[in-house]
């Protein structure tokens, strides 16, 4: 099941399901009204009708998926057509953004990239060490806790932008970077959950771009109090317009191919295979001693070779950035001019 928000002919937005047979988006509430049916589900957050509540639809599982498949079939059979178009709209507004770090390879390569940018004279000696001992330079590796439990920080859910929106370039950075990540949507509140309970609470997946200011990060990590959790990260993130139901992704969430394209040119090929922690383990850990609520977004952390800092190619104003994860979708954003 694929869901997204669309614009109707009158300019209003609506939640729609993808009809794979007719290859069109079907606005759910409007289609239900046209054929005189209702969804047998209550809104999960209590703020909007069920047909407009993405969290409720995902939480409905197989029952709701079957209802929506039937809705698509009924609109085809009855010739119901509802005019709508794709637009840069958030599929939902995350309540909270928990940004994890799960790829050791990304961590090592990013540390190496930082040193190469900011301390280039040290790189020949470091490179010689790594060639001789055939292992990463020790300071490049994550600290011990990375290997013992999931690690995350709380991001800024209020600066999340949709697919198609312009990605902002803050005035204080000259090194704007992208980070391709897999995002999981929590659709049922949990506390002190087991991995099995956490798995049942994950309802959908999408593509995430965690924008970063790398020169600011270098300063905040080395000289700041809270590390790269202020101006490095909080100015913006983007998420794909389409959400894929968890049944299509969760069993293979650690075996998905991905790629990065800029202006149509492939900059990087990557995958989710080296994620140290599963989403079930991430969510179970996040719920220790606190409630994780329906509507929160969990981010996998950057996939290896999934940012400029690792691959050494940097964005410029006006670039069209496309991040694709197999089976999930593509996130497209044009890079804005520096503020």
Protein backbone atom coordinates (compact mmCIF):
# COMPACT_ATOMS: atom_id res chain seq x y z
CA UNK A 1 0.00 0.00 0.00
CA UNK A 2 1.26 3.44 -0.99
CA UNK A 3 -0.19 6.64 0.43
CA UNK A 4 0.46 10.33 -0.16
CA UNK A 5 -1.29 13.69 -0.02
CA UNK A 6 -2.58 15.21 -3.27
CA UNK A 7 -4.23 18.46 -4.33
CA UNK A 8 -7.84 18.34 -5.46
CA UNK A 9 -9.35 20.50 -8.20
CA UNK A 10 -10.64 23.01 -5.61
CA UNK A 11 -7.16 23.45 -4.12
CA UNK A 12 -7.81 21.40 -0.98
CA UNK A 13 -5.44 18.58 -0.03
CA UNK A 14 -6.48 14.98 0.50
CA UNK A 15 -4.90 11.69 1.49
CA UNK A 16 -4.78 9.31 -1.47
CA UNK A 17 -3.93 5.68 -2.14
CA UNK A 18 -2.05 4.51 -5.22
CA UNK A 19 -4.11 2.27 -7.49
CA UNK A 20 -1.38 0.11 -9.12
CA UNK A 21 -3.73 -1.25 -11.79
CA UNK A 22 -5.13 2.09 -13.00
CA UNK A 23 -1.77 3.76 -12.21
CA UNK A 24 -3.41 6.73 -10.52
CA UNK A 25 -3.88 8.28 -7.10
CA UNK A 26 -7.33 7.82 -5.56
CA UNK A 27 -8.33 10.42 -2.92
CA UNK A 28 -9.71 8.22 -0.17
CA UNK A 29 -12.39 10.38 1.48
CA UNK A 30 -13.73 11.61 -1.86
CA UNK A 31 -13.83 8.10 -3.34
CA UNK A 32 -15.63 6.76 -0.28
CA UNK A 33 -18.23 9.51 -0.60
CA UNK A 34 -18.65 8.80 -4.32
CA UNK A 35 -19.46 5.12 -3.77
CA UNK A 36 -21.31 5.58 -0.48
CA UNK A 37 -18.98 3.64 1.83
CA UNK A 38 -17.10 4.32 5.06
CA UNK A 39 -13.88 3.02 6.55
CA UNK A 40 -14.33 0.82 9.61
CA UNK A 41 -11.59 2.48 11.63
CA UNK A 42 -11.29 5.16 14.30
CA UNK A 43 -8.80 8.03 13.99
CA UNK A 44 -5.63 7.23 15.93
CA UNK A 45 -4.79 10.79 16.96
CA UNK A 46 -8.32 12.13 17.26
CA UNK A 47 -7.66 15.24 15.18
CA UNK A 48 -9.10 14.43 11.76
CA UNK A 49 -11.46 12.00 9.99
CA UNK A 50 -10.06 8.47 9.55
CA UNK A 51 -9.77 8.81 5.77
CA UNK A 52 -7.43 11.79 6.27
CA UNK A 53 -5.42 10.24 9.10
CA UNK A 54 -2.35 8.52 7.65
CA UNK A 55 -1.35 7.13 11.04
CA UNK A 56 -4.77 5.53 11.53
CA UNK A 57 -4.72 4.00 8.05
CA UNK A 58 -1.27 2.49 8.59
CA UNK A 59 -2.23 1.29 12.07
CA UNK A 60 -5.22 -0.53 10.59
CA UNK A 61 -2.93 -3.15 9.11
CA UNK A 62 -4.21 -5.85 6.80
CA UNK A 63 -7.88 -5.01 7.43
CA UNK A 64 -7.58 -1.44 6.22
CA UNK A 65 -5.28 -2.41 3.35
CA UNK A 66 -7.97 -4.81 2.11
CA UNK A 67 -10.63 -2.10 2.42
CA UNK A 68 -8.55 0.36 0.43
CA UNK A 69 -7.75 -2.19 -2.25
CA UNK A 70 -11.48 -2.79 -2.51
CA UNK A 71 -12.03 0.96 -2.78
CA UNK A 72 -9.65 1.18 -5.72
CA UNK A 73 -11.37 -1.75 -7.41
CA UNK A 74 -14.81 -0.17 -6.85
CA UNK A 75 -13.77 3.16 -8.38
CA UNK A 76 -12.45 1.34 -11.44
CA UNK A 77 -15.57 -0.80 -11.76
CA UNK A 78 -17.93 2.17 -11.40
CA UNK A 79 -15.87 4.53 -13.51
CA UNK A 80 -15.34 6.98 -10.64
CA UNK A 81 -12.64 9.52 -11.44
CA UNK A 82 -11.60 12.24 -8.98
CA UNK A 83 -9.35 14.93 -10.36
CA UNK A 84 -6.19 15.45 -8.34
CA UNK A 85 -2.51 16.14 -8.83
CA UNK A 86 0.75 15.54 -7.02
CA UNK A 87 2.12 18.50 -5.06
CA UNK A 88 4.94 19.21 -2.57
CA UNK A 89 2.96 18.23 0.53
CA UNK A 90 4.04 16.39 3.66
CA UNK A 91 2.33 13.00 3.89
CA UNK A 92 2.05 13.66 7.63
CA UNK A 93 3.57 15.99 10.23
CA UNK A 94 5.92 14.01 12.49
CA UNK A 95 5.34 14.56 16.19
CA UNK A 96 8.99 13.85 16.98
CA UNK A 97 12.06 12.91 15.00
CA UNK A 98 14.44 10.34 16.50
CA UNK A 99 17.62 10.25 14.41
CA UNK A 100 19.68 7.09 14.90
CA UNK A 101 23.21 6.18 13.80
CA UNK A 102 23.52 2.55 12.65
CA UNK A 103 26.22 2.33 9.98
CA UNK A 104 29.77 1.90 11.24
CA UNK A 105 31.09 2.36 7.70
CA UNK A 106 29.35 5.72 7.40
CA UNK A 107 30.74 6.80 10.74
CA UNK A 108 34.32 5.89 9.82
CA UNK A 109 34.17 7.38 6.35
CA UNK A 110 32.58 10.60 7.62
CA UNK A 111 35.27 11.01 10.27
CA UNK A 112 37.87 10.47 7.58
CA UNK A 113 36.13 13.05 5.38
CA UNK A 114 36.12 15.64 8.16
CA UNK A 115 39.85 15.24 8.73
CA UNK A 116 40.57 15.36 4.99
CA UNK A 117 38.66 18.66 4.71
CA UNK A 118 39.96 20.33 7.84
CA UNK A 119 43.33 18.72 8.64
CA UNK A 120 44.68 17.63 5.23
CA UNK A 121 48.31 17.54 6.41
CA UNK A 122 47.42 14.68 8.77
CA UNK A 123 45.97 12.46 6.05
CA UNK A 124 49.21 10.99 4.58
CA UNK A 125 50.22 9.66 7.99
CA UNK A 126 46.71 8.36 8.70
CA UNK A 127 46.51 6.73 5.27
CA UNK A 128 49.85 5.02 5.86
CA UNK A 129 48.61 3.69 9.22
CA UNK A 130 45.44 2.29 7.62
CA UNK A 131 47.34 0.68 4.73
CA UNK A 132 49.88 -0.92 7.03
CA UNK A 133 47.46 -2.27 9.65
CA UNK A 134 44.49 -2.76 7.31
CA UNK A 135 42.02 -1.25 9.74
CA UNK A 136 40.49 2.19 10.31
CA UNK A 137 42.45 4.82 12.21
CA UNK A 138 41.16 4.29 15.81
CA UNK A 139 39.76 7.82 16.36
CA UNK A 140 37.60 7.34 13.26
CA UNK A 141 35.64 4.45 14.79
CA UNK A 142 32.48 5.00 16.89
CA UNK A 143 32.82 4.88 20.63
CA UNK A 144 32.10 1.68 22.56
CA UNK A 145 28.41 2.33 23.27
CA UNK A 146 27.65 2.36 19.52
CA UNK A 147 28.30 -1.40 19.46
CA UNK A 148 26.32 -2.14 22.63
CA UNK A 149 23.02 -0.33 22.07
CA UNK A 150 21.28 1.89 19.50
CA UNK A 151 22.26 5.57 19.59
CA UNK A 152 20.07 8.51 18.58
CA UNK A 153 19.35 12.19 19.12
CA UNK A 154 16.09 14.15 19.00
CA UNK A 155 15.85 16.16 15.77
CA UNK A 156 13.70 19.14 14.86
CA UNK A 157 10.34 17.81 13.63
CA UNK A 158 9.11 21.35 12.94
CA UNK A 159 11.60 21.95 10.12
CA UNK A 160 10.71 18.84 8.10
CA UNK A 161 10.00 19.71 4.45
CA UNK A 162 8.29 17.61 1.75
CA UNK A 163 9.44 16.07 -1.50
CA UNK A 164 9.56 18.77 -4.17
CA UNK A 165 10.23 21.61 -1.73
CA UNK A 166 13.37 23.70 -2.06
CA UNK A 167 16.07 22.65 0.40
CA UNK A 168 17.29 25.72 2.31
CA UNK A 169 20.95 26.74 2.43
CA UNK A 170 21.63 28.55 5.74
CA UNK A 171 23.81 31.65 5.59
CA UNK A 172 26.24 30.26 8.16
CA UNK A 173 27.47 27.26 6.13
CA UNK A 174 29.53 26.81 2.99
CA UNK A 175 29.37 23.01 3.17
CA UNK A 176 25.73 21.96 2.81
CA UNK A 177 25.45 18.18 2.78
CA UNK A 178 22.74 15.57 2.23
CA UNK A 179 22.26 12.28 4.08
CA UNK A 180 20.15 9.49 2.60
CA UNK A 181 18.27 7.56 5.27
CA UNK A 182 15.38 5.14 5.64
CA UNK A 183 12.55 6.40 7.85
CA UNK A 184 10.02 4.34 9.82
CA UNK A 185 6.69 5.71 11.06
CA UNK A 186 5.44 4.72 14.51
CA UNK A 187 1.67 4.09 14.41
CA UNK A 188 1.01 2.76 17.93
CA UNK A 189 2.32 4.15 21.20
CA UNK A 190 4.69 1.86 23.11
CA UNK A 191 6.62 1.93 26.35
CA UNK A 192 9.28 -0.56 27.51
CA UNK A 193 8.50 -2.53 24.35
CA UNK A 194 10.07 -5.80 23.32
CA UNK A 195 11.42 -5.94 19.75
CA UNK A 196 8.32 -7.93 18.74
CA UNK A 197 6.02 -5.28 20.22
CA UNK A 198 8.08 -2.56 18.56
CA UNK A 199 7.80 -4.29 15.20
CA UNK A 200 4.01 -4.31 15.48
CA UNK A 201 4.06 -0.56 16.19
CA UNK A 202 5.86 0.32 12.93
CA UNK A 203 3.36 1.05 10.19
CA UNK A 204 5.16 2.60 7.24
CA UNK A 205 8.41 3.62 5.60
CA UNK A 206 9.67 6.59 3.60
CA UNK A 207 12.90 8.21 2.38
CA UNK A 208 14.59 10.81 4.59
CA UNK A 209 17.23 13.43 3.80
CA UNK A 210 18.91 14.73 6.97
CA UNK A 211 20.50 17.97 5.74
CA UNK A 212 23.73 18.93 7.48
CA UNK A 213 26.09 21.89 7.69
CA UNK A 214 29.47 20.16 7.71
CA UNK A 215 31.73 23.14 8.47
CA UNK A 216 29.45 24.01 11.38
CA UNK A 217 29.55 20.38 12.50
CA UNK A 218 33.35 20.44 12.64
CA UNK A 219 33.23 23.40 15.01
CA UNK A 220 30.35 22.13 17.15
CA UNK A 221 31.89 18.69 17.64
CA UNK A 222 35.33 20.03 18.56
CA UNK A 223 34.43 23.14 20.55
CA UNK A 224 30.72 23.04 21.42
CA UNK A 225 28.88 21.77 24.48
CA UNK A 226 26.18 19.60 22.89
CA UNK A 227 28.00 18.43 19.77
CA UNK A 228 26.39 18.59 16.30
CA UNK A 229 22.83 18.84 17.59
CA UNK A 230 22.26 22.56 17.14
CA UNK A 231 22.96 24.47 13.93
CA UNK A 232 24.58 21.49 12.21
CA UNK A 233 21.35 19.55 11.98
CA UNK A 234 18.21 21.38 13.07
CA UNK A 235 17.64 23.81 10.19
CA UNK A 236 15.90 21.32 7.85
CA UNK A 237 15.21 17.72 6.85
CA UNK A 238 13.12 16.46 3.94
CA UNK A 239 10.94 13.36 3.59
CA UNK A 240 9.43 11.64 0.57
CA UNK A 241 5.83 12.33 -0.39
CA UNK A 242 4.94 8.64 -0.66
CA UNK A 243 4.65 6.34 2.35
CA UNK A 244 4.86 2.57 1.88
CA UNK A 245 3.06 0.30 4.35
CA UNK A 246 5.36 -1.70 6.62
CA UNK A 247 4.29 -5.10 5.28
CA UNK A 248 6.16 -4.34 2.05
CA UNK A 249 9.45 -3.26 3.64
CA UNK A 250 10.06 -4.37 7.23
CA UNK A 251 11.22 -7.93 6.42
CA UNK A 252 13.88 -6.58 4.05
CA UNK A 253 14.69 -3.26 5.67
CA UNK A 254 18.36 -4.28 5.95
CA UNK A 255 18.75 -5.50 2.35
CA UNK A 256 17.55 -2.56 0.24
CA UNK A 257 19.60 -0.97 -2.54
CA UNK A 258 19.78 2.81 -2.74
CA UNK A 259 21.35 5.51 -4.88
CA UNK A 260 22.05 9.23 -4.98
CA UNK A 261 21.70 11.30 -8.16
CA UNK A 262 22.48 14.96 -8.65
CA UNK A 263 21.24 16.65 -11.81
CA UNK A 264 20.58 13.19 -13.22
CA UNK A 265 24.15 11.93 -12.64
CA UNK A 266 24.65 9.00 -10.27
CA UNK A 267 26.91 10.13 -7.46
CA UNK A 268 26.67 7.08 -5.22
CA UNK A 269 25.27 3.58 -4.90
CA UNK A 270 24.65 2.27 -1.42
CA UNK A 271 22.39 -0.08 0.56
CA UNK A 272 21.01 -0.80 4.02
CA UNK A 273 23.01 -3.99 4.64
CA UNK A 274 25.39 -2.62 7.27
CA UNK A 275 22.76 -1.24 9.64
CA UNK A 276 23.91 -2.53 13.02
CA UNK A 277 20.45 -2.28 14.58
CA UNK A 278 17.02 -3.17 13.19
CA UNK A 279 14.13 -0.73 13.48
CA UNK A 280 12.54 -3.08 16.00
CA UNK A 281 15.64 -2.83 18.19
CA UNK A 282 15.83 0.94 17.73
CA UNK A 283 12.21 1.47 18.74
CA UNK A 284 12.44 -0.96 21.67
CA UNK A 285 15.49 0.92 22.96
CA UNK A 286 13.85 4.34 22.49
CA UNK A 287 10.86 3.15 24.52
CA UNK A 288 12.89 2.20 27.59
CA UNK A 289 11.40 4.14 30.47
CA UNK A 290 9.47 6.53 28.21
CA UNK A 291 6.55 6.44 25.83
CA UNK A 292 7.17 6.60 22.10
CA UNK A 293 3.98 7.91 20.52
CA UNK A 294 2.06 7.22 17.34
CA UNK A 295 3.16 9.78 14.78
CA UNK A 296 6.86 9.78 15.65
CA UNK A 297 9.43 9.24 12.88
CA UNK A 298 12.50 7.03 13.35
CA UNK A 299 15.45 7.64 11.01
CA UNK A 300 17.95 4.87 10.31
CA UNK A 301 21.00 7.08 10.18
CA UNK A 302 22.95 7.77 7.02
CA UNK A 303 23.58 4.82 4.73
CA UNK A 304 27.26 4.22 3.90
CA UNK A 305 28.50 6.33 0.97
CA UNK A 306 25.31 8.32 1.43
CA UNK A 307 26.61 11.87 1.89
CA UNK A 308 29.09 14.33 0.40
CA UNK A 309 31.43 14.00 3.36
CA UNK A 310 32.02 10.36 2.42
CA UNK A 311 32.15 10.55 -1.38
CA UNK A 312 33.90 13.93 -1.73
CA UNK A 313 31.36 15.52 -4.11
CA UNK A 314 29.54 18.60 -2.87
CA UNK A 315 26.22 20.23 -3.65
CA UNK A 316 25.89 23.59 -5.34
CA UNK A 317 22.94 26.01 -5.38
CA UNK A 318 20.35 24.97 -7.95
CA UNK A 319 21.30 21.28 -7.96
CA UNK A 320 18.48 18.75 -8.21
CA UNK A 321 19.08 16.09 -5.55
CA UNK A 322 17.38 12.69 -5.92
CA UNK A 323 17.60 10.06 -3.20
CA UNK A 324 16.14 6.64 -4.03
CA UNK A 325 15.65 3.59 -1.82
CA UNK A 326 14.51 0.36 -3.45
CA UNK A 327 10.84 -0.39 -2.88
CA UNK A 328 10.30 2.80 -0.89
CA UNK A 329 10.58 5.62 -3.41
CA UNK A 330 12.50 8.69 -4.51
CA UNK A 331 12.91 11.98 -2.65
CA UNK A 332 13.61 15.00 -4.86
CA UNK A 333 14.61 18.46 -3.71
CA UNK A 334 16.16 21.44 -5.50
CA UNK A 335 19.00 23.06 -3.52
CA UNK A 336 18.34 26.71 -2.73
CA UNK A 337 20.66 29.70 -2.87
CA UNK A 338 22.67 30.49 0.28
CA UNK A 339 20.62 32.77 2.50
